[in-house]
Amino acid sequence: MNTEQYLKKLKNILGEEEYNILFDKIFDEAKKKFKNSNDKQLKNIVEVNLATIMIYAIEITKGHKKSEIKENFYSYNIGPRTVLVEKCTGRFLNKFNEYIDKAIVYTKENL
């Protein structure tokens, strides 16, 4: 799957309203963290973070631990970890736990 497919899947799981709220939340965080980025760059940063939610859900569903998730991240080829609003896997999982849990439930049901 590519980034666009991960985003579409996450949008289907969350619904458009919740997805847009999450997009805006990450956009605001990215704007603060990556101050020299323009709107197009910020949008790409947000998309990497949203796709990462799906990737982490897939990795957790496969039974992988935090260290394995971090190691496997680049095999998904969605973008650099350096643009994640939380570079630490544990903090990312905690920050977006609610959304990752929903994606895990969906992933388990649709394997």
PDB file of N, CA and C in Angstrom:
ATOM      1  N   MET A   1       0.853  -1.185   0.000  1.00  0.00           N
ATOM      2  CA  MET A   1       0.000   0.000   0.000  1.00  0.00           C
ATOM      3  C   MET A   1       0.892   1.238   0.000  1.00  0.00           C
ATOM      4  N   ASN A   2       0.356   2.308  -0.544  1.00  0.00           N
ATOM      5  CA  ASN A   2       1.082   3.569  -0.511  1.00  0.00           C
ATOM      6  C   ASN A   2       0.421   4.520   0.482  1.00  0.00           C
ATOM      7  N   THR A   3       1.027   5.671   0.665  1.00  0.00           N
ATOM      8  CA  THR A   3       0.530   6.632   1.659  1.00  0.00           C
ATOM      9  C   THR A   3      -0.934   6.971   1.426  1.00  0.00           C
ATOM     10  N   GLU A   4      -1.289   7.212   0.190  1.00  0.00           N
ATOM     11  CA  GLU A   4      -2.669   7.577  -0.135  1.00  0.00           C
ATOM     12  C   GLU A   4      -3.657   6.482   0.285  1.00  0.00           C
ATOM     13  N   GLN A   5      -3.267   5.239   0.106  1.00  0.00           N
ATOM     14  CA  GLN A   5      -4.142   4.125   0.488  1.00  0.00           C
ATOM     15  C   GLN A   5      -4.284   4.029   2.007  1.00  0.00           C
ATOM     16  N   TYR A   6      -3.194   4.283   2.732  1.00  0.00           N
ATOM     17  CA  TYR A   6      -3.273   4.289   4.190  1.00  0.00           C
ATOM     18  C   TYR A   6      -4.201   5.402   4.667  1.00  0.00           C
ATOM     19  N   LEU A   7      -4.092   6.563   4.031  1.00  0.00           N
ATOM     20  CA  LEU A   7      -4.942   7.693   4.415  1.00  0.00           C
ATOM     21  C   LEU A   7      -6.411   7.395   4.145  1.00  0.00           C
ATOM     22  N   LYS A   8      -6.682   6.804   3.000  1.00  0.00           N
ATOM     23  CA  LYS A   8      -8.061   6.456   2.647  1.00  0.00           C
ATOM     24  C   LYS A   8      -8.634   5.447   3.642  1.00  0.00           C
ATOM     25  N   LYS A   9      -7.816   4.455   3.981  1.00  0.00           N
ATOM     26  CA  LYS A   9      -8.267   3.437   4.940  1.00  0.00           C
ATOM     27  C   LYS A   9      -8.543   4.064   6.306  1.00  0.00           C
ATOM     28  N   LEU A  10      -7.642   4.941   6.771  1.00  0.00           N
ATOM     29  CA  LEU A  10      -7.845   5.597   8.065  1.00  0.00           C
ATOM     30  C   LEU A  10      -9.091   6.464   8.040  1.00  0.00           C
ATOM     31  N   LYS A  11      -9.324   7.148   6.938  1.00  0.00           N
ATOM     32  CA  LYS A  11     -10.512   7.996   6.808  1.00  0.00           C
ATOM     33  C   LYS A  11     -11.782   7.141   6.865  1.00  0.00           C
ATOM     34  N   ASN A  12     -11.745   5.968   6.245  1.00  0.00           N
ATOM     35  CA  ASN A  12     -12.891   5.045   6.299  1.00  0.00           C
ATOM     36  C   ASN A  12     -13.134   4.550   7.718  1.00  0.00           C
ATOM     37  N   ILE A  13     -12.066   4.290   8.450  1.00  0.00           N
ATOM     38  CA  ILE A  13     -12.184   3.786   9.818  1.00  0.00           C
ATOM     39  C   ILE A  13     -12.743   4.855  10.748  1.00  0.00           C
ATOM     40  N   LEU A  14     -12.188   6.063  10.656  1.00  0.00           N
ATOM     41  CA  LEU A  14     -12.563   7.141  11.584  1.00  0.00           C
ATOM     42  C   LEU A  14     -13.818   7.888  11.170  1.00  0.00           C
ATOM     43  N   GLY A  15     -14.113   7.895   9.898  1.00  0.00           N
ATOM     44  CA  GLY A  15     -15.176   8.744   9.390  1.00  0.00           C
ATOM     45  C   GLY A  15     -14.588  10.109   9.060  1.00  0.00           C
ATOM     46  N   GLU A  16     -15.219  10.793   8.148  1.00  0.00           N
ATOM     47  CA  GLU A  16     -14.659  12.052   7.643  1.00  0.00           C
ATOM     48  C   GLU A  16     -14.491  13.112   8.725  1.00  0.00           C
ATOM     49  N   GLU A  17     -15.470  13.260   9.597  1.00  0.00           N
ATOM     50  CA  GLU A  17     -15.403  14.300  10.618  1.00  0.00           C
ATOM     51  C   GLU A  17     -14.238  14.068  11.597  1.00  0.00           C
ATOM     52  N   GLU A  18     -14.139  12.856  12.130  1.00  0.00           N
ATOM     53  CA  GLU A  18     -13.074  12.557  13.083  1.00  0.00           C
ATOM     54  C   GLU A  18     -11.699  12.622  12.398  1.00  0.00           C
ATOM     55  N   TYR A  19     -11.634  12.163  11.153  1.00  0.00           N
ATOM     56  CA  TYR A  19     -10.390  12.224  10.383  1.00  0.00           C
ATOM     57  C   TYR A  19      -9.945  13.677  10.210  1.00  0.00           C
ATOM     58  N   ASN A  20     -10.875  14.553   9.864  1.00  0.00           N
ATOM     59  CA  ASN A  20     -10.546  15.969   9.670  1.00  0.00           C
ATOM     60  C   ASN A  20     -10.095  16.637  10.971  1.00  0.00           C
ATOM     61  N   ILE A  21     -10.714  16.260  12.074  1.00  0.00           N
ATOM     62  CA  ILE A  21     -10.306  16.795  13.381  1.00  0.00           C
ATOM     63  C   ILE A  21      -8.880  16.359  13.682  1.00  0.00           C
ATOM     64  N   LEU A  22      -8.586  15.082  13.441  1.00  0.00           N
ATOM     65  CA  LEU A  22      -7.240  14.563  13.666  1.00  0.00           C
ATOM     66  C   LEU A  22      -6.240  15.243  12.726  1.00  0.00           C
ATOM     67  N   PHE A  23      -6.601  15.413  11.471  1.00  0.00           N
ATOM     68  CA  PHE A  23      -5.735  16.093  10.504  1.00  0.00           C
ATOM     69  C   PHE A  23      -5.379  17.488  11.019  1.00  0.00           C
ATOM     70  N   ASP A  24      -6.399  18.234  11.443  1.00  0.00           N
ATOM     71  CA  ASP A  24      -6.171  19.603  11.939  1.00  0.00           C
ATOM     72  C   ASP A  24      -5.295  19.614  13.188  1.00  0.00           C
ATOM     73  N   LYS A  25      -5.514  18.656  14.065  1.00  0.00           N
ATOM     74  CA  LYS A  25      -4.721  18.559  15.299  1.00  0.00           C
ATOM     75  C   LYS A  25      -3.243  18.333  14.965  1.00  0.00           C
ATOM     76  N   ILE A  26      -2.985  17.400  14.072  1.00  0.00           N
ATOM     77  CA  ILE A  26      -1.604  17.114  13.685  1.00  0.00           C
ATOM     78  C   ILE A  26      -1.015  18.287  12.913  1.00  0.00           C
ATOM     79  N   PHE A  27      -1.809  18.928  12.069  1.00  0.00           N
ATOM     80  CA  PHE A  27      -1.343  20.095  11.312  1.00  0.00           C
ATOM     81  C   PHE A  27      -0.875  21.194  12.264  1.00  0.00           C
ATOM     82  N   ASP A  28      -1.669  21.460  13.300  1.00  0.00           N
ATOM     83  CA  ASP A  28      -1.303  22.494  14.276  1.00  0.00           C
ATOM     84  C   ASP A  28      -0.007  22.132  15.002  1.00  0.00           C
ATOM     85  N   GLU A  29       0.138  20.870  15.380  1.00  0.00           N
ATOM     86  CA  GLU A  29       1.371  20.432  16.048  1.00  0.00           C
ATOM     87  C   GLU A  29       2.570  20.543  15.111  1.00  0.00           C
ATOM     88  N   ALA A  30       2.370  20.138  13.867  1.00  0.00           N
ATOM     89  CA  ALA A  30       3.453  20.198  12.880  1.00  0.00           C
ATOM     90  C   ALA A  30       3.863  21.647  12.613  1.00  0.00           C
ATOM     91  N   LYS A  31       2.889  22.532  12.583  1.00  0.00           N
ATOM     92  CA  LYS A  31       3.161  23.954  12.337  1.00  0.00           C
ATOM     93  C   LYS A  31       4.061  24.528  13.436  1.00  0.00           C
ATOM     94  N   LYS A  32       3.821  24.102  14.672  1.00  0.00           N
ATOM     95  CA  LYS A  32       4.636  24.562  15.802  1.00  0.00           C
ATOM     96  C   LYS A  32       6.033  23.935  15.760  1.00  0.00           C
ATOM     97  N   LYS A  33       6.093  22.679  15.396  1.00  0.00           N
ATOM     98  CA  LYS A  33       7.349  21.937  15.444  1.00  0.00           C
ATOM     99  C   LYS A  33       8.242  22.224  14.232  1.00  0.00           C
ATOM    100  N   PHE A  34       7.647  22.380  13.078  1.00  0.00           N
ATOM    101  CA  PHE A  34       8.385  22.606  11.835  1.00  0.00           C
ATOM    102  C   PHE A  34       8.072  24.016  11.324  1.00  0.00           C
ATOM    103  N   LYS A  35       8.530  24.999  12.055  1.00  0.00           N
ATOM    104  CA  LYS A  35       8.175  26.411  11.832  1.00  0.00           C
ATOM    105  C   LYS A  35       8.538  26.946  10.457  1.00  0.00           C
ATOM    106  N   ASN A  36       9.555  26.428   9.834  1.00  0.00           N
ATOM    107  CA  ASN A  36       9.995  26.947   8.538  1.00  0.00           C
ATOM    108  C   ASN A  36       9.333  26.253   7.361  1.00  0.00           C
ATOM    109  N   SER A  37       8.337  25.439   7.620  1.00  0.00           N
ATOM    110  CA  SER A  37       7.661  24.692   6.560  1.00  0.00           C
ATOM    111  C   SER A  37       6.476  25.474   6.018  1.00  0.00           C
ATOM    112  N   ASN A  38       6.252  25.352   4.716  1.00  0.00           N
ATOM    113  CA  ASN A  38       5.076  25.986   4.118  1.00  0.00           C
ATOM    114  C   ASN A  38       3.884  25.030   4.228  1.00  0.00           C
ATOM    115  N   ASP A  39       2.716  25.480   3.804  1.00  0.00           N
ATOM    116  CA  ASP A  39       1.501  24.674   3.956  1.00  0.00           C
ATOM    117  C   ASP A  39       1.572  23.344   3.208  1.00  0.00           C
ATOM    118  N   LYS A  40       2.187  23.344   2.033  1.00  0.00           N
ATOM    119  CA  LYS A  40       2.298  22.095   1.277  1.00  0.00           C
ATOM    120  C   LYS A  40       3.187  21.100   2.031  1.00  0.00           C
ATOM    121  N   GLN A  41       4.299  21.571   2.567  1.00  0.00           N
ATOM    122  CA  GLN A  41       5.184  20.707   3.345  1.00  0.00           C
ATOM    123  C   GLN A  41       4.481  20.206   4.597  1.00  0.00           C
ATOM    124  N   LEU A  42       3.741  21.097   5.259  1.00  0.00           N
ATOM    125  CA  LEU A  42       3.007  20.704   6.465  1.00  0.00           C
ATOM    126  C   LEU A  42       1.967  19.639   6.143  1.00  0.00           C
ATOM    127  N   LYS A  43       1.295  19.779   5.006  1.00  0.00           N
ATOM    128  CA  LYS A  43       0.302  18.776   4.594  1.00  0.00           C
ATOM    129  C   LYS A  43       0.979  17.418   4.411  1.00  0.00           C
ATOM    130  N   ASN A  44       2.149  17.411   3.794  1.00  0.00           N
ATOM    131  CA  ASN A  44       2.893  16.151   3.615  1.00  0.00           C
ATOM    132  C   ASN A  44       3.309  15.563   4.953  1.00  0.00           C
ATOM    133  N   ILE A  45       3.725  16.414   5.874  1.00  0.00           N
ATOM    134  CA  ILE A  45       4.098  15.965   7.219  1.00  0.00           C
ATOM    135  C   ILE A  45       2.896  15.324   7.906  1.00  0.00           C
ATOM    136  N   VAL A  46       1.748  15.961   7.804  1.00  0.00           N
ATOM    137  CA  VAL A  46       0.522  15.427   8.408  1.00  0.00           C
ATOM    138  C   VAL A  46       0.190  14.076   7.794  1.00  0.00           C
ATOM    139  N   GLU A  47       0.305  13.963   6.492  1.00  0.00           N
ATOM    140  CA  GLU A  47      -0.025  12.710   5.822  1.00  0.00           C
ATOM    141  C   GLU A  47       0.891  11.575   6.273  1.00  0.00           C
ATOM    142  N   VAL A  48       2.180  11.857   6.482  1.00  0.00           N
ATOM    143  CA  VAL A  48       3.095  10.827   6.990  1.00  0.00           C
ATOM    144  C   VAL A  48       2.654  10.396   8.387  1.00  0.00           C
ATOM    145  N   ASN A  49       2.264  11.355   9.224  1.00  0.00           N
ATOM    146  CA  ASN A  49       1.818  11.029  10.575  1.00  0.00           C
ATOM    147  C   ASN A  49       0.531  10.223  10.560  1.00  0.00           C
ATOM    148  N   LEU A  50      -0.402  10.569   9.698  1.00  0.00           N
ATOM    149  CA  LEU A  50      -1.659   9.823   9.604  1.00  0.00           C
ATOM    150  C   LEU A  50      -1.411   8.403   9.093  1.00  0.00           C
ATOM    151  N   ALA A  51      -0.572   8.270   8.076  1.00  0.00           N
ATOM    152  CA  ALA A  51      -0.241   6.941   7.559  1.00  0.00           C
ATOM    153  C   ALA A  51       0.465   6.110   8.632  1.00  0.00           C
ATOM    154  N   THR A  52       1.257   6.772   9.454  1.00  0.00           N
ATOM    155  CA  THR A  52       1.970   6.074  10.532  1.00  0.00           C
ATOM    156  C   THR A  52       0.991   5.462  11.524  1.00  0.00           C
ATOM    157  N   ILE A  53      -0.119   6.115  11.766  1.00  0.00           N
ATOM    158  CA  ILE A  53      -1.152   5.548  12.645  1.00  0.00           C
ATOM    159  C   ILE A  53      -1.598   4.193  12.102  1.00  0.00           C
ATOM    160  N   MET A  54      -1.839   4.122  10.801  1.00  0.00           N
ATOM    161  CA  MET A  54      -2.253   2.850  10.199  1.00  0.00           C
ATOM    162  C   MET A  54      -1.130   1.819  10.250  1.00  0.00           C
ATOM    163  N   ILE A  55       0.084   2.250   9.981  1.00  0.00           N
ATOM    164  CA  ILE A  55       1.228   1.332   9.997  1.00  0.00           C
ATOM    165  C   ILE A  55       1.427   0.760  11.394  1.00  0.00           C
ATOM    166  N   TYR A  56       1.349   1.597  12.406  1.00  0.00           N
ATOM    167  CA  TYR A  56       1.504   1.105  13.775  1.00  0.00           C
ATOM    168  C   TYR A  56       0.388   0.126  14.120  1.00  0.00           C
ATOM    169  N   ALA A  57      -0.819   0.405  13.666  1.00  0.00           N
ATOM    170  CA  ALA A  57      -1.933  -0.523  13.914  1.00  0.00           C
ATOM    171  C   ALA A  57      -1.658  -1.874  13.249  1.00  0.00           C
ATOM    172  N   ILE A  58      -1.161  -1.843  12.033  1.00  0.00           N
ATOM    173  CA  ILE A  58      -0.834  -3.085  11.318  1.00  0.00           C
ATOM    174  C   ILE A  58       0.267  -3.842  12.053  1.00  0.00           C
ATOM    175  N   GLU A  59       1.305  -3.125  12.460  1.00  0.00           N
ATOM    176  CA  GLU A  59       2.430  -3.746  13.153  1.00  0.00           C
ATOM    177  C   GLU A  59       1.993  -4.347  14.497  1.00  0.00           C
ATOM    178  N   ILE A  60       1.151  -3.650  15.226  1.00  0.00           N
ATOM    179  CA  ILE A  60       0.655  -4.162  16.508  1.00  0.00           C
ATOM    180  C   ILE A  60      -0.213  -5.395  16.270  1.00  0.00           C
ATOM    181  N   THR A  61      -1.035  -5.347  15.235  1.00  0.00           N
ATOM    182  CA  THR A  61      -1.881  -6.484  14.896  1.00  0.00           C
ATOM    183  C   THR A  61      -1.036  -7.715  14.579  1.00  0.00           C
ATOM    184  N   LYS A  62       0.133  -7.488  13.985  1.00  0.00           N
ATOM    185  CA  LYS A  62       1.046  -8.594  13.679  1.00  0.00           C
ATOM    186  C   LYS A  62       1.782  -9.091  14.921  1.00  0.00           C
ATOM    187  N   GLY A  63       1.579  -8.401  16.052  1.00  0.00           N
ATOM    188  CA  GLY A  63       2.205  -8.825  17.298  1.00  0.00           C
ATOM    189  C   GLY A  63       3.593  -8.253  17.525  1.00  0.00           C
ATOM    190  N   HIS A  64       3.964  -7.234  16.780  1.00  0.00           N
ATOM    191  CA  HIS A  64       5.304  -6.653  16.918  1.00  0.00           C
ATOM    192  C   HIS A  64       5.385  -5.707  18.109  1.00  0.00           C
ATOM    193  N   LYS A  65       6.546  -5.687  18.744  1.00  0.00           N
ATOM    194  CA  LYS A  65       6.811  -4.811  19.883  1.00  0.00           C
ATOM    195  C   LYS A  65       7.296  -3.461  19.374  1.00  0.00           C
ATOM    196  N   LYS A  66       7.384  -2.476  20.295  1.00  0.00           N
ATOM    197  CA  LYS A  66       7.795  -1.123  19.927  1.00  0.00           C
ATOM    198  C   LYS A  66       9.097  -1.094  19.142  1.00  0.00           C
ATOM    199  N   SER A  67      10.082  -1.846  19.587  1.00  0.00           N
ATOM    200  CA  SER A  67      11.378  -1.835  18.898  1.00  0.00           C
ATOM    201  C   SER A  67      11.246  -2.393  17.479  1.00  0.00           C
ATOM    202  N   GLU A  68      10.426  -3.399  17.304  1.00  0.00           N
ATOM    203  CA  GLU A  68      10.218  -3.978  15.977  1.00  0.00           C
ATOM    204  C   GLU A  68       9.445  -3.025  15.081  1.00  0.00           C
ATOM    205  N   ILE A  69       8.484  -2.321  15.659  1.00  0.00           N
ATOM    206  CA  ILE A  69       7.706  -1.343  14.894  1.00  0.00           C
ATOM    207  C   ILE A  69       8.649  -0.276  14.344  1.00  0.00           C
ATOM    208  N   LYS A  70       9.530   0.204  15.206  1.00  0.00           N
ATOM    209  CA  LYS A  70      10.486   1.235  14.791  1.00  0.00           C
ATOM    210  C   LYS A  70      11.392   0.709  13.674  1.00  0.00           C
ATOM    211  N   GLU A  71      11.878  -0.502  13.821  1.00  0.00           N
ATOM    212  CA  GLU A  71      12.750  -1.109  12.813  1.00  0.00           C
ATOM    213  C   GLU A  71      12.019  -1.312  11.487  1.00  0.00           C
ATOM    214  N   ASN A  72      10.760  -1.707  11.542  1.00  0.00           N
ATOM    215  CA  ASN A  72       9.991  -2.016  10.334  1.00  0.00           C
ATOM    216  C   ASN A  72       9.430  -0.770   9.638  1.00  0.00           C
ATOM    217  N   PHE A  73       9.442   0.366  10.316  1.00  0.00           N
ATOM    218  CA  PHE A  73       8.804   1.578   9.800  1.00  0.00           C
ATOM    219  C   PHE A  73       9.233   1.901   8.373  1.00  0.00           C
ATOM    220  N   TYR A  74      10.523   1.868   8.101  1.00  0.00           N
ATOM    221  CA  TYR A  74      11.014   2.287   6.787  1.00  0.00           C
ATOM    222  C   TYR A  74      10.642   1.324   5.666  1.00  0.00           C
ATOM    223  N   SER A  75      10.305   0.092   6.004  1.00  0.00           N
ATOM    224  CA  SER A  75       9.908  -0.845   4.954  1.00  0.00           C
ATOM    225  C   SER A  75       8.576  -0.441   4.317  1.00  0.00           C
ATOM    226  N   TYR A  76       7.826   0.426   4.983  1.00  0.00           N
ATOM    227  CA  TYR A  76       6.545   0.882   4.442  1.00  0.00           C
ATOM    228  C   TYR A  76       6.708   2.044   3.469  1.00  0.00           C
ATOM    229  N   ASN A  77       7.878   2.689   3.473  1.00  0.00           N
ATOM    230  CA  ASN A  77       8.224   3.720   2.503  1.00  0.00           C
ATOM    231  C   ASN A  77       7.171   4.838   2.383  1.00  0.00           C
ATOM    232  N   ILE A  78       6.777   5.391   3.522  1.00  0.00           N
ATOM    233  CA  ILE A  78       5.801   6.490   3.482  1.00  0.00           C
ATOM    234  C   ILE A  78       6.438   7.847   3.726  1.00  0.00           C
ATOM    235  N   GLY A  79       7.649   7.860   4.236  1.00  0.00           N
ATOM    236  CA  GLY A  79       8.324   9.118   4.524  1.00  0.00           C
ATOM    237  C   GLY A  79       9.239   8.952   5.714  1.00  0.00           C
ATOM    238  N   PRO A  80      10.008   9.976   5.995  1.00  0.00           N
ATOM    239  CA  PRO A  80      10.990   9.870   7.079  1.00  0.00           C
ATOM    240  C   PRO A  80      10.367   9.975   8.472  1.00  0.00           C
ATOM    241  N   ARG A  81      10.949   9.247   9.416  1.00  0.00           N
ATOM    242  CA  ARG A  81      10.509   9.341  10.818  1.00  0.00           C
ATOM    243  C   ARG A  81      10.765  10.734  11.374  1.00  0.00           C
ATOM    244  N   THR A  82      11.677  11.473  10.750  1.00  0.00           N
ATOM    245  CA  THR A  82      12.035  12.803  11.254  1.00  0.00           C
ATOM    246  C   THR A  82      10.871  13.786  11.194  1.00  0.00           C
ATOM    247  N   VAL A  83       9.833  13.486  10.434  1.00  0.00           N
ATOM    248  CA  VAL A  83       8.689  14.395  10.354  1.00  0.00           C
ATOM    249  C   VAL A  83       7.524  13.970  11.243  1.00  0.00           C
ATOM    250  N   LEU A  84       7.730  12.942  12.044  1.00  0.00           N
ATOM    251  CA  LEU A  84       6.671  12.550  12.969  1.00  0.00           C
ATOM    252  C   LEU A  84       6.576  13.591  14.083  1.00  0.00           C
ATOM    253  N   VAL A  85       5.363  13.925  14.499  1.00  0.00           N
ATOM    254  CA  VAL A  85       5.206  14.906  15.571  1.00  0.00           C
ATOM    255  C   VAL A  85       5.726  14.356  16.888  1.00  0.00           C
ATOM    256  N   GLU A  86       5.812  13.059  17.001  1.00  0.00           N
ATOM    257  CA  GLU A  86       6.450  12.374  18.137  1.00  0.00           C
ATOM    258  C   GLU A  86       7.380  11.330  17.550  1.00  0.00           C
ATOM    259  N   LYS A  87       8.681  11.571  17.607  1.00  0.00           N
ATOM    260  CA  LYS A  87       9.649  10.643  17.023  1.00  0.00           C
ATOM    261  C   LYS A  87       9.804   9.366  17.854  1.00  0.00           C
ATOM    262  N   CYS A  88       9.576   9.477  19.143  1.00  0.00           N
ATOM    263  CA  CYS A  88       9.637   8.324  20.027  1.00  0.00           C
ATOM    264  C   CYS A  88       8.392   7.462  19.796  1.00  0.00           C
ATOM    265  N   THR A  89       8.628   6.201  19.469  1.00  0.00           N
ATOM    266  CA  THR A  89       7.510   5.297  19.163  1.00  0.00           C
ATOM    267  C   THR A  89       6.520   5.234  20.320  1.00  0.00           C
ATOM    268  N   GLY A  90       7.015   5.126  21.539  1.00  0.00           N
ATOM    269  CA  GLY A  90       6.131   5.035  22.705  1.00  0.00           C
ATOM    270  C   GLY A  90       5.258   6.272  22.864  1.00  0.00           C
ATOM    271  N   ARG A  91       5.842   7.441  22.707  1.00  0.00           N
ATOM    272  CA  ARG A  91       5.060   8.681  22.822  1.00  0.00           C
ATOM    273  C   ARG A  91       4.054   8.803  21.685  1.00  0.00           C
ATOM    274  N   PHE A  92       4.449   8.391  20.481  1.00  0.00           N
ATOM    275  CA  PHE A  92       3.527   8.421  19.352  1.00  0.00           C
ATOM    276  C   PHE A  92       2.336   7.505  19.638  1.00  0.00           C
ATOM    277  N   LEU A  93       2.637   6.296  20.109  1.00  0.00           N
ATOM    278  CA  LEU A  93       1.566   5.347  20.425  1.00  0.00           C
ATOM    279  C   LEU A  93       0.631   5.905  21.498  1.00  0.00           C
ATOM    280  N   ASN A  94       1.190   6.538  22.518  1.00  0.00           N
ATOM    281  CA  ASN A  94       0.369   7.118  23.582  1.00  0.00           C
ATOM    282  C   ASN A  94      -0.464   8.287  23.077  1.00  0.00           C
ATOM    283  N   LYS A  95       0.146   9.148  22.289  1.00  0.00           N
ATOM    284  CA  LYS A  95      -0.554  10.344  21.805  1.00  0.00           C
ATOM    285  C   LYS A  95      -1.742   9.991  20.912  1.00  0.00           C
ATOM    286  N   PHE A  96      -1.568   8.973  20.074  1.00  0.00           N
ATOM    287  CA  PHE A  96      -2.609   8.629  19.105  1.00  0.00           C
ATOM    288  C   PHE A  96      -3.266   7.283  19.397  1.00  0.00           C
ATOM    289  N   ASN A  97      -3.189   6.872  20.657  1.00  0.00           N
ATOM    290  CA  ASN A  97      -3.700   5.581  21.095  1.00  0.00           C
ATOM    291  C   ASN A  97      -5.154   5.338  20.677  1.00  0.00           C
ATOM    292  N   GLU A  98      -5.984   6.326  20.873  1.00  0.00           N
ATOM    293  CA  GLU A  98      -7.413   6.192  20.545  1.00  0.00           C
ATOM    294  C   GLU A  98      -7.614   5.829  19.069  1.00  0.00           C
ATOM    295  N   TYR A  99      -6.880   6.480  18.192  1.00  0.00           N
ATOM    296  CA  TYR A  99      -7.013   6.255  16.752  1.00  0.00           C
ATOM    297  C   TYR A  99      -6.352   4.945  16.337  1.00  0.00           C
ATOM    298  N   ILE A 100      -5.221   4.647  16.939  1.00  0.00           N
ATOM    299  CA  ILE A 100      -4.526   3.395  16.646  1.00  0.00           C
ATOM    300  C   ILE A 100      -5.392   2.218  17.075  1.00  0.00           C
ATOM    301  N   ASP A 101      -6.037   2.326  18.240  1.00  0.00           N
ATOM    302  CA  ASP A 101      -6.918   1.250  18.704  1.00  0.00           C
ATOM    303  C   ASP A 101      -8.060   0.992  17.724  1.00  0.00           C
ATOM    304  N   LYS A 102      -8.652   2.044  17.202  1.00  0.00           N
ATOM    305  CA  LYS A 102      -9.737   1.885  16.215  1.00  0.00           C
ATOM    306  C   LYS A 102      -9.216   1.208  14.955  1.00  0.00           C
ATOM    307  N   ALA A 103      -8.024   1.586  14.530  1.00  0.00           N
ATOM    308  CA  ALA A 103      -7.429   0.986  13.339  1.00  0.00           C
ATOM    309  C   ALA A 103      -7.069  -0.477  13.588  1.00  0.00           C
ATOM    310  N   ILE A 104      -6.648  -0.800  14.811  1.00  0.00           N
ATOM    311  CA  ILE A 104      -6.327  -2.193  15.159  1.00  0.00           C
ATOM    312  C   ILE A 104      -7.582  -3.051  15.069  1.00  0.00           C
ATOM    313  N   VAL A 105      -8.670  -2.579  15.634  1.00  0.00           N
ATOM    314  CA  VAL A 105      -9.933  -3.323  15.600  1.00  0.00           C
ATOM    315  C   VAL A 105     -10.335  -3.579  14.146  1.00  0.00           C
ATOM    316  N   TYR A 106     -10.256  -2.533  13.332  1.00  0.00           N
ATOM    317  CA  TYR A 106     -10.614  -2.661  11.914  1.00  0.00           C
ATOM    318  C   TYR A 106      -9.688  -3.656  11.221  1.00  0.00           C
ATOM    319  N   THR A 107      -8.388  -3.546  11.469  1.00  0.00           N
ATOM    320  CA  THR A 107      -7.405  -4.400  10.821  1.00  0.00           C
ATOM    321  C   THR A 107      -7.634  -5.863  11.197  1.00  0.00           C
ATOM    322  N   LYS A 108      -7.890  -6.123  12.472  1.00  0.00           N
ATOM    323  CA  LYS A 108      -8.139  -7.500  12.914  1.00  0.00           C
ATOM    324  C   LYS A 108      -9.387  -8.074  12.254  1.00  0.00           C
ATOM    325  N   GLU A 109     -10.408  -7.251  12.109  1.00  0.00           N
ATOM    326  CA  GLU A 109     -11.660  -7.718  11.520  1.00  0.00           C
ATOM    327  C   GLU A 109     -11.552  -7.942  10.026  1.00  0.00           C
ATOM    328  N   ASN A 110     -10.578  -7.317   9.381  1.00  0.00           N
ATOM    329  CA  ASN A 110     -10.492  -7.373   7.926  1.00  0.00           C
ATOM    330  C   ASN A 110      -9.221  -8.021   7.394  1.00  0.00           C
ATOM    331  N   LEU A 111      -8.597  -8.842   8.202  1.00  0.00           N
ATOM    332  CA  LEU A 111      -7.386  -9.553   7.737  1.00  0.00           C
ATOM    333  C   LEU A 111      -7.730 -10.645   6.771  1.00  0.00           C
TER     334      LEU A 111
END
